[in-house]
């Protein structure tokens, strides 16, 4: 205990000694604790005496962005508690149901991947046929209608651009779905 008191008194005495030497100009002034570009020490002469700078904390920290950093590294136990907490574990999905079309598992409110692949394949074929009809590379101004081998063209579709498919219409591609697309 005596040694700690001696250290405290010794540090206080050194601090007082340095302040007295600074007051009489015998000791160099302390440098700024935070080096900021454009910030001059008050005892140093400024080259631009006509310029007035605002004083205060806002002028000192003008364009500086300070960020906090941890002082000590967290222990392994605390890191494991933070990273592997039971609330952060992967929870099993409870909204999985079999697809009514193909029977594979799907999430509620989403298409199953098998049905999605079938739809993607069909739309890729339709897009390919549309590109074949657009020889000049310009998109047609008329509305496009897809006609499969087992369908007849209605009189409302006579004025539209018709893409003819040589295959049968898939059972999931209904006329109601086409009407829904036109209305939205």
Protein backbone atom coordinates (compact mmCIF):
# COMPACT_ATOMS: atom_id res chain seq x y z
CA UNK A 1 0.00 0.00 0.00
CA UNK A 2 2.87 2.34 0.76
CA UNK A 3 4.41 1.77 -2.66
CA UNK A 4 1.16 2.62 -4.42
CA UNK A 5 0.86 5.86 -2.43
CA UNK A 6 4.46 6.71 -3.33
CA UNK A 7 3.72 6.15 -7.02
CA UNK A 8 0.64 8.40 -6.87
CA UNK A 9 2.57 11.21 -5.15
CA UNK A 10 5.49 10.83 -7.56
CA UNK A 11 3.17 11.09 -10.60
CA UNK A 12 1.40 14.13 -9.11
CA UNK A 13 4.72 15.85 -8.37
CA UNK A 14 5.95 15.23 -11.93
CA UNK A 15 2.71 16.67 -13.30
CA UNK A 16 3.04 19.82 -11.16
CA UNK A 17 6.70 20.19 -12.15
CA UNK A 18 5.89 19.98 -15.86
CA UNK A 19 3.07 22.55 -15.54
CA UNK A 20 5.37 25.00 -13.71
CA UNK A 21 8.08 24.64 -16.35
CA UNK A 22 5.49 25.21 -19.07
CA UNK A 23 4.21 28.35 -17.31
CA UNK A 24 7.74 29.86 -17.29
CA UNK A 25 8.39 28.78 -20.89
CA UNK A 26 11.20 26.37 -20.02
CA UNK A 27 9.43 23.20 -21.14
CA UNK A 28 7.92 22.55 -24.61
CA UNK A 29 4.11 22.77 -24.73
CA UNK A 30 2.15 19.52 -24.96
CA UNK A 31 1.10 18.55 -28.49
CA UNK A 32 -2.53 18.13 -29.45
CA UNK A 33 -4.03 14.83 -28.35
CA UNK A 34 -5.97 14.45 -31.61
CA UNK A 35 -4.24 15.49 -34.82
CA UNK A 36 -6.79 17.03 -37.18
CA UNK A 37 -5.84 18.59 -40.53
CA UNK A 38 -6.19 22.34 -40.39
CA UNK A 39 -6.19 22.49 -36.59
CA UNK A 40 -3.42 24.77 -35.30
CA UNK A 41 -1.99 24.88 -31.83
CA UNK A 42 -2.86 28.19 -30.09
CA UNK A 43 0.79 28.98 -29.27
CA UNK A 44 1.97 28.49 -32.84
CA UNK A 45 1.74 31.44 -35.18
CA UNK A 46 -0.95 31.19 -37.81
CA UNK A 47 0.04 32.15 -41.35
CA UNK A 48 -3.42 33.46 -42.20
CA UNK A 49 -4.26 36.07 -39.54
CA UNK A 50 -7.23 37.59 -41.44
CA UNK A 51 -9.17 34.33 -41.42
CA UNK A 52 -11.46 33.84 -38.44
CA UNK A 53 -12.25 30.28 -37.45
CA UNK A 54 -15.27 29.36 -35.35
CA UNK A 55 -14.39 28.00 -31.97
CA UNK A 56 -15.98 25.09 -30.18
CA UNK A 57 -16.39 21.38 -30.54
CA UNK A 58 -17.96 21.61 -34.01
CA UNK A 59 -14.93 23.37 -35.45
CA UNK A 60 -12.56 20.93 -33.76
CA UNK A 61 -14.37 17.85 -35.06
CA UNK A 62 -15.49 19.48 -38.34
CA UNK A 63 -15.32 16.65 -40.86
CA UNK A 64 -14.07 13.92 -38.57
CA UNK A 65 -16.07 10.74 -38.12
CA UNK A 66 -15.25 9.01 -34.85
CA UNK A 67 -15.91 5.33 -34.33
CA UNK A 68 -15.80 3.27 -31.18
CA UNK A 69 -13.56 0.24 -30.88
CA UNK A 70 -13.44 -2.43 -28.20
CA UNK A 71 -10.67 -2.06 -25.63
CA UNK A 72 -10.39 -5.73 -24.74
CA UNK A 73 -10.93 -8.92 -26.66
CA UNK A 74 -13.96 -10.91 -25.57
CA UNK A 75 -13.32 -14.27 -24.00
CA UNK A 76 -14.03 -17.44 -25.92
CA UNK A 77 -16.93 -18.27 -23.64
CA UNK A 78 -18.64 -14.92 -24.24
CA UNK A 79 -18.14 -15.14 -28.00
CA UNK A 80 -19.63 -18.62 -28.09
CA UNK A 81 -22.59 -17.45 -26.01
CA UNK A 82 -23.17 -14.55 -28.40
CA UNK A 83 -22.73 -16.53 -31.62
CA UNK A 84 -24.34 -19.83 -30.66
CA UNK A 85 -27.24 -18.65 -28.57
CA UNK A 86 -30.34 -20.86 -28.95
CA UNK A 87 -32.32 -17.92 -30.39
CA UNK A 88 -29.86 -17.68 -33.30
CA UNK A 89 -29.92 -21.34 -34.29
CA UNK A 90 -31.58 -22.36 -37.55
CA UNK A 91 -35.19 -23.18 -36.85
CA UNK A 92 -36.98 -25.91 -38.82
CA UNK A 93 -39.64 -24.68 -41.23
CA UNK A 94 -43.16 -25.57 -40.24
CA UNK A 95 -44.95 -24.25 -43.34
CA UNK A 96 -43.92 -27.01 -45.80
CA UNK A 97 -46.68 -28.77 -47.71
CA UNK A 98 -46.81 -31.19 -50.67
CA UNK A 99 -47.48 -29.54 -54.03
CA UNK A 100 -50.98 -30.36 -55.35
CA UNK A 101 -49.60 -30.73 -58.92
CA UNK A 102 -46.45 -32.83 -58.60
CA UNK A 103 -46.32 -33.87 -54.92
CA UNK A 104 -42.89 -32.43 -54.09
CA UNK A 105 -42.49 -30.36 -50.93
CA UNK A 106 -42.98 -26.61 -51.19
CA UNK A 107 -43.23 -23.66 -48.86
CA UNK A 108 -46.67 -22.19 -48.33
CA UNK A 109 -47.27 -19.25 -50.66
CA UNK A 110 -44.49 -20.25 -53.11
CA UNK A 111 -44.24 -22.37 -56.24
CA UNK A 112 -42.49 -25.69 -55.85
CA UNK A 113 -39.20 -25.93 -57.75
CA UNK A 114 -40.41 -28.74 -60.07
CA UNK A 115 -43.42 -26.70 -61.23
CA UNK A 116 -41.25 -23.59 -61.51
CA UNK A 117 -38.80 -25.43 -63.80
CA UNK A 118 -41.68 -26.63 -66.03
CA UNK A 119 -43.10 -23.10 -66.29
CA UNK A 120 -39.65 -21.65 -66.98
CA UNK A 121 -39.04 -24.20 -69.74
CA UNK A 122 -42.39 -23.37 -71.39
CA UNK A 123 -41.86 -19.59 -71.21
CA UNK A 124 -38.33 -19.97 -72.63
CA UNK A 125 -39.77 -21.77 -75.66
CA UNK A 126 -42.39 -19.01 -76.10
CA UNK A 127 -39.69 -16.31 -75.87
CA UNK A 128 -37.61 -18.17 -78.46
CA UNK A 129 -40.58 -18.26 -80.87
CA UNK A 130 -41.19 -14.54 -80.32
CA UNK A 131 -37.54 -13.77 -81.13
CA UNK A 132 -37.81 -15.82 -84.34
CA UNK A 133 -40.79 -13.74 -85.50
CA UNK A 134 -38.98 -10.49 -84.74
CA UNK A 135 -36.48 -10.73 -87.61
CA UNK A 136 -35.49 -7.07 -87.57
CA UNK A 137 -34.89 -7.06 -83.81
CA UNK A 138 -37.64 -4.55 -83.07
CA UNK A 139 -40.47 -5.43 -80.72
CA UNK A 140 -43.92 -5.65 -82.26
CA UNK A 141 -46.45 -2.97 -81.34
CA UNK A 142 -49.41 -5.39 -81.39
CA UNK A 143 -50.34 -7.60 -78.46
CA UNK A 144 -48.99 -11.16 -78.63
CA UNK A 145 -51.17 -14.27 -78.28
CA UNK A 146 -49.83 -17.82 -77.95
CA UNK A 147 -51.80 -20.48 -79.91
CA UNK A 148 -51.14 -24.15 -79.22
CA UNK A 149 -51.92 -27.04 -81.60
CA UNK A 150 -55.23 -27.93 -79.95
CA UNK A 151 -56.61 -24.35 -79.87
CA UNK A 152 -58.60 -22.19 -82.28
CA UNK A 153 -58.01 -18.47 -82.80
CA UNK A 154 -60.93 -16.35 -81.59
CA UNK A 155 -62.13 -13.30 -83.51
CA UNK A 156 -60.81 -11.01 -80.75
CA UNK A 157 -57.32 -12.45 -81.37
CA UNK A 158 -57.42 -11.80 -85.17
CA UNK A 159 -55.88 -8.32 -84.84
CA UNK A 160 -53.13 -9.50 -82.49
CA UNK A 161 -49.79 -11.07 -83.27
CA UNK A 162 -50.16 -14.86 -83.00
CA UNK A 163 -47.31 -17.15 -81.93
CA UNK A 164 -48.11 -20.70 -83.03
CA UNK A 165 -46.80 -23.61 -80.99
CA UNK A 166 -46.71 -27.09 -82.56
CA UNK A 167 -47.23 -28.84 -79.22
CA UNK A 168 -50.25 -29.37 -77.02
CA UNK A 169 -51.13 -26.82 -74.39
CA UNK A 170 -49.94 -27.80 -70.87
CA UNK A 171 -52.75 -28.53 -68.43
CA UNK A 172 -51.58 -25.82 -66.02
CA UNK A 173 -51.67 -23.10 -68.74
CA UNK A 174 -55.35 -22.16 -68.57
CA UNK A 175 -57.36 -19.48 -70.36
CA UNK A 176 -58.29 -17.99 -66.97
CA UNK A 177 -54.61 -17.44 -66.26
CA UNK A 178 -54.23 -15.65 -69.60
CA UNK A 179 -57.26 -13.43 -68.85
CA UNK A 180 -55.80 -12.62 -65.43
CA UNK A 181 -52.53 -11.51 -67.05
CA UNK A 182 -54.37 -9.26 -69.51
CA UNK A 183 -56.37 -7.56 -66.76
CA UNK A 184 -53.36 -6.76 -64.57
